[in-house]
Structures are given as structure tokens and as C-alpha cells.
Amino acid sequence: MNQCERFYRNVAVCEHGPTCNQCCWPWHAGGKNAKTGYVTTRYIIDGITVYGAHRIAWTLFWHRLPDPHREIAHMCDVRHCCQPHHLEQKSHAQNMQ
């Protein structure tokens, strides 16, 4: 089982399947921070430790590490969503809007 398959075993992909880009895919394996709502997990990808389920989902889907000066923002505003099409890189100011 590869890294992507292992990661997505912990994500509830919608009934429309992996080609759906509309529905949220929530993380369901635990590790969600009660204060922030973000999932506190980590994976090592290409020798780099990536923290947060949404950042891991973005990295695995786009096959590249995010810009370290930008944040991975949820367009759906669901902090435990791991749907790659709901995630995009933004500056901190853009993410806070």
C-alpha cells in the first residue's frame, strides 16, 4: 500500500467516489484538535515532515510540497476536510478573509 492509499484510508470519501470535486471528504481517524478543529497528524513525504491532514492531502494530490510561505486554505471552511479540490494555497491575509 502506498502513502496516498494509507492516508486516504482515514478519510471518508463521498459516495460519488474519488472523481467527485464537490463533496467534503472529512478525516475520520481521530487526532482532531478540539480547539482549532484541524487534524493533528503528520506524514513524511519526500523526506519532509508535513503536519495537518489538509496539508498532507494537498501535498499527496498535487505531488509537490506547498510553498512554505503560504497556507493551505479550505475553500469549504471545513477544517477537517481532506478533499484536494477544496484546498488551495493562500497568503495568511487571504486565508483569514
N, C-alpha and C. Protein backbone atom coordinates (compact mmCIF):
# COMPACT_ATOMS: atom_id res chain seq x y z
N MET A 1 0.86 -1.18 0.00
CA MET A 1 0.00 0.00 0.00
C MET A 1 0.90 1.24 0.00
N ASN A 2 0.63 2.16 -0.91
CA ASN A 2 1.47 3.36 -0.98
C ASN A 2 0.99 4.41 0.03
N GLN A 3 1.75 5.47 0.13
CA GLN A 3 1.49 6.52 1.12
C GLN A 3 0.11 7.16 0.93
N CYS A 4 -0.26 7.40 -0.30
CA CYS A 4 -1.56 8.03 -0.60
C CYS A 4 -2.71 7.10 -0.17
N GLU A 5 -2.61 5.83 -0.50
CA GLU A 5 -3.65 4.87 -0.11
C GLU A 5 -3.77 4.77 1.40
N ARG A 6 -2.62 4.74 2.09
CA ARG A 6 -2.63 4.68 3.56
C ARG A 6 -3.32 5.91 4.14
N PHE A 7 -3.01 7.07 3.60
CA PHE A 7 -3.61 8.31 4.09
C PHE A 7 -5.12 8.30 3.89
N TYR A 8 -5.57 7.97 2.69
CA TYR A 8 -7.00 8.06 2.37
C TYR A 8 -7.84 6.96 3.00
N ARG A 9 -7.22 5.97 3.64
CA ARG A 9 -8.00 5.01 4.46
C ARG A 9 -8.63 5.73 5.65
N ASN A 10 -8.05 6.87 6.03
CA ASN A 10 -8.53 7.65 7.18
C ASN A 10 -9.47 8.78 6.79
N VAL A 11 -9.86 8.81 5.54
CA VAL A 11 -10.71 9.88 5.01
C VAL A 11 -12.01 9.28 4.49
N ALA A 12 -13.12 9.92 4.81
CA ALA A 12 -14.42 9.45 4.33
C ALA A 12 -14.71 10.08 2.97
N VAL A 13 -14.26 9.39 1.91
CA VAL A 13 -14.53 9.86 0.55
C VAL A 13 -16.03 9.67 0.31
N CYS A 14 -16.66 10.65 -0.32
CA CYS A 14 -18.12 10.61 -0.51
C CYS A 14 -18.56 9.45 -1.40
N GLU A 15 -19.85 9.21 -1.44
CA GLU A 15 -20.39 8.09 -2.21
C GLU A 15 -20.22 8.27 -3.71
N HIS A 16 -19.89 9.50 -4.15
CA HIS A 16 -19.68 9.75 -5.58
C HIS A 16 -18.31 9.25 -6.04
N GLY A 17 -17.43 8.95 -5.09
CA GLY A 17 -16.12 8.38 -5.41
C GLY A 17 -15.03 9.42 -5.56
N PRO A 18 -13.83 8.96 -5.87
CA PRO A 18 -12.66 9.83 -5.88
C PRO A 18 -12.65 10.87 -6.99
N THR A 19 -13.53 10.77 -7.97
CA THR A 19 -13.57 11.79 -9.03
C THR A 19 -14.45 12.97 -8.66
N CYS A 20 -15.20 12.88 -7.58
CA CYS A 20 -16.07 13.97 -7.13
C CYS A 20 -15.21 15.13 -6.64
N ASN A 21 -15.57 16.34 -7.04
CA ASN A 21 -14.85 17.50 -6.52
C ASN A 21 -15.78 18.45 -5.77
N GLN A 22 -17.00 18.03 -5.51
CA GLN A 22 -17.99 18.87 -4.85
C GLN A 22 -18.10 18.61 -3.35
N CYS A 23 -18.15 17.36 -2.96
CA CYS A 23 -18.40 16.99 -1.57
C CYS A 23 -17.13 17.10 -0.71
N CYS A 24 -17.32 17.41 0.57
CA CYS A 24 -16.22 17.37 1.52
C CYS A 24 -15.87 15.92 1.81
N TRP A 25 -14.60 15.68 2.08
CA TRP A 25 -14.11 14.36 2.47
C TRP A 25 -13.51 14.50 3.85
N PRO A 26 -14.28 14.29 4.90
CA PRO A 26 -13.76 14.52 6.26
C PRO A 26 -12.78 13.43 6.72
N TRP A 27 -11.85 13.85 7.51
CA TRP A 27 -10.92 12.95 8.19
C TRP A 27 -11.70 12.25 9.30
N HIS A 28 -11.59 10.95 9.44
CA HIS A 28 -12.38 10.24 10.45
C HIS A 28 -11.55 9.38 11.39
N ALA A 29 -10.23 9.51 11.37
CA ALA A 29 -9.40 8.62 12.17
C ALA A 29 -9.02 9.20 13.53
N GLY A 30 -9.58 10.31 13.92
CA GLY A 30 -9.22 10.91 15.20
C GLY A 30 -8.05 11.88 15.04
N GLY A 31 -7.61 12.41 16.15
CA GLY A 31 -6.50 13.34 16.13
C GLY A 31 -6.90 14.78 15.84
N LYS A 32 -8.22 15.05 15.91
CA LYS A 32 -8.69 16.41 15.64
C LYS A 32 -8.51 17.26 16.90
N ASN A 33 -7.90 18.42 16.73
CA ASN A 33 -7.68 19.34 17.82
C ASN A 33 -9.01 19.96 18.23
N ALA A 34 -9.40 19.80 19.49
CA ALA A 34 -10.70 20.27 19.98
C ALA A 34 -10.84 21.80 19.89
N LYS A 35 -9.74 22.52 20.03
CA LYS A 35 -9.81 23.99 19.99
C LYS A 35 -9.86 24.53 18.57
N THR A 36 -9.05 23.96 17.67
CA THR A 36 -8.95 24.53 16.32
C THR A 36 -9.79 23.81 15.28
N GLY A 37 -10.09 22.54 15.50
CA GLY A 37 -10.82 21.76 14.51
C GLY A 37 -9.93 21.14 13.45
N TYR A 38 -8.64 21.48 13.45
CA TYR A 38 -7.71 20.91 12.48
C TYR A 38 -7.24 19.54 12.96
N VAL A 39 -6.91 18.68 12.01
CA VAL A 39 -6.43 17.34 12.34
C VAL A 39 -4.92 17.40 12.56
N THR A 40 -4.48 16.93 13.70
CA THR A 40 -3.07 16.98 14.06
C THR A 40 -2.43 15.63 13.79
N THR A 41 -2.09 15.41 12.55
CA THR A 41 -1.38 14.20 12.15
C THR A 41 -0.19 14.62 11.31
N ARG A 42 0.72 13.69 11.06
CA ARG A 42 1.88 14.04 10.25
C ARG A 42 2.28 12.87 9.38
N TYR A 43 2.83 13.18 8.23
CA TYR A 43 3.38 12.19 7.31
C TYR A 43 4.73 12.70 6.85
N ILE A 44 5.62 11.78 6.54
CA ILE A 44 6.89 12.16 5.94
C ILE A 44 6.76 11.92 4.44
N ILE A 45 6.89 13.00 3.69
CA ILE A 45 6.74 12.95 2.24
C ILE A 45 8.03 13.48 1.63
N ASP A 46 8.69 12.66 0.84
CA ASP A 46 9.97 13.01 0.23
C ASP A 46 10.98 13.51 1.27
N GLY A 47 10.99 12.87 2.42
CA GLY A 47 11.94 13.21 3.47
C GLY A 47 11.57 14.43 4.29
N ILE A 48 10.45 15.06 4.00
CA ILE A 48 9.99 16.26 4.71
C ILE A 48 8.76 15.89 5.53
N THR A 49 8.72 16.30 6.79
CA THR A 49 7.54 16.05 7.62
C THR A 49 6.49 17.11 7.32
N VAL A 50 5.30 16.65 6.95
CA VAL A 50 4.17 17.53 6.66
C VAL A 50 3.14 17.32 7.76
N TYR A 51 2.73 18.40 8.41
CA TYR A 51 1.77 18.35 9.51
C TYR A 51 0.39 18.81 9.05
N GLY A 52 -0.64 18.19 9.58
CA GLY A 52 -2.02 18.57 9.30
C GLY A 52 -2.59 17.78 8.14
N ALA A 53 -3.74 17.16 8.36
CA ALA A 53 -4.34 16.29 7.34
C ALA A 53 -4.62 17.04 6.05
N HIS A 54 -5.09 18.28 6.13
CA HIS A 54 -5.40 19.02 4.91
C HIS A 54 -4.13 19.33 4.11
N ARG A 55 -3.03 19.64 4.79
CA ARG A 55 -1.75 19.90 4.10
C ARG A 55 -1.22 18.61 3.47
N ILE A 56 -1.39 17.49 4.17
CA ILE A 56 -0.95 16.21 3.62
C ILE A 56 -1.78 15.87 2.39
N ALA A 57 -3.09 16.05 2.47
CA ALA A 57 -3.98 15.76 1.33
C ALA A 57 -3.57 16.60 0.13
N TRP A 58 -3.33 17.88 0.33
CA TRP A 58 -2.93 18.77 -0.77
C TRP A 58 -1.60 18.30 -1.38
N THR A 59 -0.64 17.97 -0.53
CA THR A 59 0.68 17.55 -0.99
C THR A 59 0.62 16.24 -1.77
N LEU A 60 -0.12 15.27 -1.26
CA LEU A 60 -0.23 13.98 -1.96
C LEU A 60 -0.95 14.12 -3.29
N PHE A 61 -1.98 14.96 -3.34
CA PHE A 61 -2.76 15.11 -4.57
C PHE A 61 -1.97 15.83 -5.66
N TRP A 62 -1.31 16.93 -5.29
CA TRP A 62 -0.61 17.76 -6.28
C TRP A 62 0.83 17.31 -6.50
N HIS A 63 1.28 16.33 -5.75
CA HIS A 63 2.63 15.75 -5.91
C HIS A 63 3.73 16.80 -5.76
N ARG A 64 3.53 17.71 -4.83
CA ARG A 64 4.58 18.70 -4.54
C ARG A 64 4.32 19.26 -3.15
N LEU A 65 5.38 19.73 -2.53
CA LEU A 65 5.26 20.35 -1.21
C LEU A 65 4.72 21.76 -1.37
N PRO A 66 3.87 22.21 -0.44
CA PRO A 66 3.35 23.57 -0.53
C PRO A 66 4.46 24.60 -0.29
N ASP A 67 4.25 25.78 -0.82
CA ASP A 67 5.15 26.91 -0.58
C ASP A 67 5.20 27.15 0.92
N PRO A 68 6.39 27.17 1.53
CA PRO A 68 6.47 27.32 2.99
C PRO A 68 6.00 28.68 3.50
N HIS A 69 5.83 29.65 2.60
CA HIS A 69 5.39 30.99 2.99
C HIS A 69 3.89 31.18 2.80
N ARG A 70 3.22 30.11 2.42
CA ARG A 70 1.77 30.20 2.20
C ARG A 70 1.07 29.13 3.03
N GLU A 71 -0.22 29.31 3.19
CA GLU A 71 -1.03 28.37 3.96
C GLU A 71 -1.90 27.57 3.01
N ILE A 72 -2.31 26.39 3.43
CA ILE A 72 -3.28 25.61 2.67
C ILE A 72 -4.65 25.94 3.26
N ALA A 73 -5.45 26.61 2.48
CA ALA A 73 -6.75 27.10 2.94
C ALA A 73 -7.87 26.18 2.47
N HIS A 74 -8.91 26.09 3.29
CA HIS A 74 -10.12 25.33 2.94
C HIS A 74 -11.11 26.28 2.28
N MET A 75 -11.44 26.06 1.04
CA MET A 75 -12.46 26.86 0.37
C MET A 75 -13.85 26.54 0.93
N CYS A 76 -13.99 25.33 1.51
CA CYS A 76 -15.27 24.89 2.06
C CYS A 76 -15.44 25.31 3.52
N ASP A 77 -14.39 25.82 4.15
CA ASP A 77 -14.40 26.21 5.57
C ASP A 77 -14.64 25.05 6.53
N VAL A 78 -14.39 23.83 6.10
CA VAL A 78 -14.50 22.65 6.96
C VAL A 78 -13.07 22.23 7.29
N ARG A 79 -12.63 22.50 8.50
CA ARG A 79 -11.23 22.35 8.85
C ARG A 79 -10.70 20.93 8.81
N HIS A 80 -11.56 19.93 8.89
CA HIS A 80 -11.08 18.55 8.82
C HIS A 80 -11.35 17.92 7.45
N CYS A 81 -11.69 18.76 6.46
CA CYS A 81 -11.91 18.28 5.09
C CYS A 81 -10.56 18.00 4.42
N CYS A 82 -10.48 16.87 3.74
CA CYS A 82 -9.27 16.46 3.03
C CYS A 82 -9.52 16.32 1.53
N GLN A 83 -10.57 16.94 1.04
CA GLN A 83 -10.90 16.93 -0.39
C GLN A 83 -9.91 17.87 -1.09
N PRO A 84 -9.02 17.34 -1.93
CA PRO A 84 -7.98 18.18 -2.54
C PRO A 84 -8.52 19.36 -3.34
N HIS A 85 -9.70 19.20 -3.93
CA HIS A 85 -10.27 20.29 -4.72
C HIS A 85 -10.87 21.40 -3.85
N HIS A 86 -10.93 21.18 -2.57
CA HIS A 86 -11.41 22.21 -1.63
C HIS A 86 -10.25 22.96 -1.00
N LEU A 87 -9.03 22.63 -1.38
CA LEU A 87 -7.83 23.19 -0.75
C LEU A 87 -7.03 24.00 -1.75
N GLU A 88 -6.50 25.14 -1.30
CA GLU A 88 -5.64 25.93 -2.16
C GLU A 88 -4.64 26.71 -1.33
N GLN A 89 -3.53 27.06 -1.95
CA GLN A 89 -2.51 27.85 -1.27
C GLN A 89 -2.93 29.31 -1.26
N LYS A 90 -2.80 29.94 -0.10
CA LYS A 90 -3.12 31.36 0.04
C LYS A 90 -2.15 31.99 1.02
N SER A 91 -2.05 33.30 0.96
CA SER A 91 -1.29 34.01 1.97
C SER A 91 -2.11 33.97 3.27
N HIS A 92 -1.48 34.29 4.37
CA HIS A 92 -2.20 34.31 5.65
C HIS A 92 -3.36 35.30 5.60
N ALA A 93 -3.13 36.48 5.04
CA ALA A 93 -4.19 37.50 4.97
C ALA A 93 -5.37 37.00 4.13
N GLN A 94 -5.09 36.35 3.00
CA GLN A 94 -6.16 35.81 2.17
C GLN A 94 -6.92 34.72 2.91
N ASN A 95 -6.21 33.89 3.64
CA ASN A 95 -6.83 32.78 4.36
C ASN A 95 -7.74 33.30 5.47
N MET A 96 -7.42 34.42 6.08
CA MET A 96 -8.22 34.96 7.17
C MET A 96 -9.50 35.65 6.69
N GLN A 97 -9.58 35.98 5.42
CA GLN A 97 -10.77 36.68 4.91
C GLN A 97 -12.00 35.80 4.90
